[in-house]
């Protein structure tokens, strides 16, 4: 399986799509549907990332079992990925409204290119025994 098959990046700033994910904006503000009933979650985290020089990173690990979903609320984030099976690397730039889904076996770390707020969700509960440090 190629690295590109192990992650999905999706811009959900537009109208609801076939996955029933998207954004509705009107005079009251915005409603963003990040996850619909087709996928449940039992782990929910809020991340607050500060931009710094030199850069600092969150993550730098992988999971063997846990699938992770990240939604960028605000800011700009660089995501670095490493596929443990193939050795392939990928660097992504994520903007507000982007949703990133990572399958198990992808080492990942994040840094804020500008102050960022992120929601992380997973159908799997947090398990400290499924967090494996990775040296990028």
C-alpha atoms as a PDB file:
ATOM      1  CA  UNK A   1       0.000   0.000   0.000  1.00  0.00           C
ATOM      2  CA  UNK A   2       1.409   3.392  -1.002  1.00  0.00           C
ATOM      3  CA  UNK A   3       1.817   6.215   1.500  1.00  0.00           C
ATOM      4  CA  UNK A   4      -0.920   8.191  -0.264  1.00  0.00           C
ATOM      5  CA  UNK A   5      -3.357   5.329   0.478  1.00  0.00           C
ATOM      6  CA  UNK A   6      -2.717   5.673   4.222  1.00  0.00           C
ATOM      7  CA  UNK A   7      -3.913   9.236   4.662  1.00  0.00           C
ATOM      8  CA  UNK A   8      -6.773  11.354   3.401  1.00  0.00           C
ATOM      9  CA  UNK A   9      -6.780  15.122   3.338  1.00  0.00           C
ATOM     10  CA  UNK A  10     -10.079  16.819   2.697  1.00  0.00           C
ATOM     11  CA  UNK A  11     -11.195  20.453   2.593  1.00  0.00           C
ATOM     12  CA  UNK A  12     -14.604  20.619   4.330  1.00  0.00           C
ATOM     13  CA  UNK A  13     -15.065  24.398   4.138  1.00  0.00           C
ATOM     14  CA  UNK A  14     -17.656  23.976   1.368  1.00  0.00           C
ATOM     15  CA  UNK A  15     -21.199  22.593   1.318  1.00  0.00           C
ATOM     16  CA  UNK A  16     -21.988  19.147   2.709  1.00  0.00           C
ATOM     17  CA  UNK A  17     -20.596  16.388   0.498  1.00  0.00           C
ATOM     18  CA  UNK A  18     -21.469  12.719  -0.049  1.00  0.00           C
ATOM     19  CA  UNK A  19     -19.905  11.893   3.357  1.00  0.00           C
ATOM     20  CA  UNK A  20     -22.302  14.474   4.898  1.00  0.00           C
ATOM     21  CA  UNK A  21     -19.311  16.593   5.951  1.00  0.00           C
ATOM     22  CA  UNK A  22     -18.977  20.279   5.225  1.00  0.00           C
ATOM     23  CA  UNK A  23     -19.791  23.812   6.304  1.00  0.00           C
ATOM     24  CA  UNK A  24     -22.967  25.868   6.345  1.00  0.00           C
ATOM     25  CA  UNK A  25     -22.497  29.627   6.772  1.00  0.00           C
ATOM     26  CA  UNK A  26     -25.177  32.246   7.298  1.00  0.00           C
ATOM     27  CA  UNK A  27     -25.773  35.425   9.293  1.00  0.00           C
ATOM     28  CA  UNK A  28     -25.604  33.429  12.541  1.00  0.00           C
ATOM     29  CA  UNK A  29     -22.094  32.118  11.817  1.00  0.00           C
ATOM     30  CA  UNK A  30     -20.765  28.737  10.709  1.00  0.00           C
ATOM     31  CA  UNK A  31     -21.731  25.145  11.403  1.00  0.00           C
ATOM     32  CA  UNK A  32     -19.038  22.619  10.485  1.00  0.00           C
ATOM     33  CA  UNK A  33     -19.928  18.927  10.436  1.00  0.00           C
ATOM     34  CA  UNK A  34     -16.574  17.150  10.874  1.00  0.00           C
ATOM     35  CA  UNK A  35     -17.777  13.593  11.538  1.00  0.00           C
ATOM     36  CA  UNK A  36     -21.205  12.215  10.702  1.00  0.00           C
ATOM     37  CA  UNK A  37     -22.847   9.083  12.159  1.00  0.00           C
ATOM     38  CA  UNK A  38     -21.061   6.774   9.731  1.00  0.00           C
ATOM     39  CA  UNK A  39     -17.981   6.966  11.939  1.00  0.00           C
ATOM     40  CA  UNK A  40     -18.108   7.033  15.721  1.00  0.00           C
ATOM     41  CA  UNK A  41     -15.345   8.226  18.008  1.00  0.00           C
ATOM     42  CA  UNK A  42     -14.319   7.483  21.553  1.00  0.00           C
ATOM     43  CA  UNK A  43     -11.299   9.791  21.778  1.00  0.00           C
ATOM     44  CA  UNK A  44     -11.536  13.590  21.406  1.00  0.00           C
ATOM     45  CA  UNK A  45      -8.677  16.073  21.952  1.00  0.00           C
ATOM     46  CA  UNK A  46      -8.155  19.812  21.460  1.00  0.00           C
ATOM     47  CA  UNK A  47      -4.647  20.896  20.416  1.00  0.00           C
ATOM     48  CA  UNK A  48      -3.324  24.425  20.741  1.00  0.00           C
ATOM     49  CA  UNK A  49      -0.067  24.801  18.771  1.00  0.00           C
ATOM     50  CA  UNK A  50       2.266  27.779  19.024  1.00  0.00           C
ATOM     51  CA  UNK A  51       4.490  28.804  16.114  1.00  0.00           C
ATOM     52  CA  UNK A  52       8.116  29.158  17.180  1.00  0.00           C
ATOM     53  CA  UNK A  53      11.627  29.662  15.878  1.00  0.00           C
ATOM     54  CA  UNK A  54      13.303  27.247  16.068  1.00  0.00           C
ATOM     55  CA  UNK A  55      10.291  25.038  15.293  1.00  0.00           C
ATOM     56  CA  UNK A  56       8.837  22.718  17.917  1.00  0.00           C
ATOM     57  CA  UNK A  57       6.764  19.644  17.085  1.00  0.00           C
ATOM     58  CA  UNK A  58       3.847  17.712  18.572  1.00  0.00           C
ATOM     59  CA  UNK A  59       3.613  14.019  17.905  1.00  0.00           C
ATOM     60  CA  UNK A  60       6.741  12.354  16.512  1.00  0.00           C
ATOM     61  CA  UNK A  61       5.205   8.929  17.026  1.00  0.00           C
ATOM     62  CA  UNK A  62       3.068   6.283  15.385  1.00  0.00           C
ATOM     63  CA  UNK A  63       0.313   3.886  16.363  1.00  0.00           C
ATOM     64  CA  UNK A  64      -0.117   0.254  15.380  1.00  0.00           C
ATOM     65  CA  UNK A  65      -3.886   0.221  16.031  1.00  0.00           C
ATOM     66  CA  UNK A  66      -5.208   3.776  16.299  1.00  0.00           C
ATOM     67  CA  UNK A  67      -6.790   5.646  13.377  1.00  0.00           C
ATOM     68  CA  UNK A  68      -6.655   9.425  13.887  1.00  0.00           C
ATOM     69  CA  UNK A  69      -8.676  12.307  12.446  1.00  0.00           C
ATOM     70  CA  UNK A  70      -7.422  15.893  12.712  1.00  0.00           C
ATOM     71  CA  UNK A  71      -9.528  18.972  11.907  1.00  0.00           C
ATOM     72  CA  UNK A  72      -7.777  22.343  11.584  1.00  0.00           C
ATOM     73  CA  UNK A  73      -9.899  25.001  13.272  1.00  0.00           C
ATOM     74  CA  UNK A  74      -7.495  27.896  12.724  1.00  0.00           C
ATOM     75  CA  UNK A  75      -3.909  28.605  11.752  1.00  0.00           C
ATOM     76  CA  UNK A  76      -1.578  26.836   9.350  1.00  0.00           C
ATOM     77  CA  UNK A  77       0.018  23.506  10.244  1.00  0.00           C
ATOM     78  CA  UNK A  78       2.785  21.460   8.679  1.00  0.00           C
ATOM     79  CA  UNK A  79       2.244  17.701   8.994  1.00  0.00           C
ATOM     80  CA  UNK A  80       5.203  15.405   8.389  1.00  0.00           C
ATOM     81  CA  UNK A  81       4.393  11.768   7.669  1.00  0.00           C
ATOM     82  CA  UNK A  82       6.585   8.672   7.397  1.00  0.00           C
ATOM     83  CA  UNK A  83       5.264   5.310   6.184  1.00  0.00           C
ATOM     84  CA  UNK A  84       6.806   2.557   8.290  1.00  0.00           C
ATOM     85  CA  UNK A  85       6.094  -0.051   5.591  1.00  0.00           C
ATOM     86  CA  UNK A  86       7.630   1.713   2.587  1.00  0.00           C
ATOM     87  CA  UNK A  87       9.946   4.374   4.031  1.00  0.00           C
ATOM     88  CA  UNK A  88       8.121   7.063   2.030  1.00  0.00           C
ATOM     89  CA  UNK A  89       7.882  10.578   3.447  1.00  0.00           C
ATOM     90  CA  UNK A  90       5.323  13.294   2.829  1.00  0.00           C
ATOM     91  CA  UNK A  91       5.013  16.857   4.113  1.00  0.00           C
ATOM     92  CA  UNK A  92       1.562  18.449   4.011  1.00  0.00           C
ATOM     93  CA  UNK A  93       0.454  22.012   4.668  1.00  0.00           C
ATOM     94  CA  UNK A  94      -2.952  22.100   6.361  1.00  0.00           C
ATOM     95  CA  UNK A  95      -5.249  25.129   6.462  1.00  0.00           C
ATOM     96  CA  UNK A  96      -8.420  25.958   8.429  1.00  0.00           C
ATOM     97  CA  UNK A  97     -11.233  23.645   7.361  1.00  0.00           C
ATOM     98  CA  UNK A  98      -8.925  20.787   6.352  1.00  0.00           C
ATOM     99  CA  UNK A  99      -9.570  17.333   7.763  1.00  0.00           C
ATOM    100  CA  UNK A 100      -6.672  14.844   7.822  1.00  0.00           C
ATOM    101  CA  UNK A 101      -7.269  11.133   8.456  1.00  0.00           C
ATOM    102  CA  UNK A 102      -4.264   8.925   9.283  1.00  0.00           C
ATOM    103  CA  UNK A 103      -4.281   5.129   9.244  1.00  0.00           C
ATOM    104  CA  UNK A 104      -2.197   3.138  11.737  1.00  0.00           C
ATOM    105  CA  UNK A 105       1.446   2.678  10.770  1.00  0.00           C
ATOM    106  CA  UNK A 106       2.071   6.291   9.751  1.00  0.00           C
ATOM    107  CA  UNK A 107       4.569   8.144  11.900  1.00  0.00           C
ATOM    108  CA  UNK A 108       3.496  11.760  12.191  1.00  0.00           C
ATOM    109  CA  UNK A 109       4.422  15.064  13.737  1.00  0.00           C
ATOM    110  CA  UNK A 110       2.947  18.537  13.510  1.00  0.00           C
ATOM    111  CA  UNK A 111       4.251  22.066  13.810  1.00  0.00           C
ATOM    112  CA  UNK A 112       2.409  25.353  13.641  1.00  0.00           C
ATOM    113  CA  UNK A 113       3.485  27.655  10.837  1.00  0.00           C
ATOM    114  CA  UNK A 114       1.214  30.174  12.561  1.00  0.00           C
ATOM    115  CA  UNK A 115      -0.719  29.791  15.825  1.00  0.00           C
ATOM    116  CA  UNK A 116      -3.126  26.881  15.266  1.00  0.00           C
ATOM    117  CA  UNK A 117      -6.061  25.168  16.945  1.00  0.00           C
ATOM    118  CA  UNK A 118      -6.856  21.554  16.056  1.00  0.00           C
ATOM    119  CA  UNK A 119      -9.402  18.927  17.054  1.00  0.00           C
ATOM    120  CA  UNK A 120      -8.252  15.299  17.079  1.00  0.00           C
ATOM    121  CA  UNK A 121     -10.772  12.450  17.129  1.00  0.00           C
ATOM    122  CA  UNK A 122     -10.415   8.693  16.906  1.00  0.00           C
ATOM    123  CA  UNK A 123     -12.786   5.728  16.936  1.00  0.00           C
ATOM    124  CA  UNK A 124     -10.189   4.105  19.210  1.00  0.00           C
ATOM    125  CA  UNK A 125      -9.731   5.072  22.861  1.00  0.00           C
ATOM    126  CA  UNK A 126      -6.329   6.411  23.895  1.00  0.00           C
ATOM    127  CA  UNK A 127      -3.948   3.565  24.734  1.00  0.00           C
ATOM    128  CA  UNK A 128      -0.474   4.580  25.983  1.00  0.00           C
ATOM    129  CA  UNK A 129       0.803   1.141  24.924  1.00  0.00           C
ATOM    130  CA  UNK A 130      -0.045   2.040  21.290  1.00  0.00           C
ATOM    131  CA  UNK A 131       2.182   5.145  21.168  1.00  0.00           C
ATOM    132  CA  UNK A 132       5.609   4.460  19.668  1.00  0.00           C
ATOM    133  CA  UNK A 133       8.130   7.315  19.476  1.00  0.00           C
ATOM    134  CA  UNK A 134       9.626   7.962  16.040  1.00  0.00           C
ATOM    135  CA  UNK A 135      12.787   9.968  15.299  1.00  0.00           C
ATOM    136  CA  UNK A 136      12.173  12.066  12.220  1.00  0.00           C
END
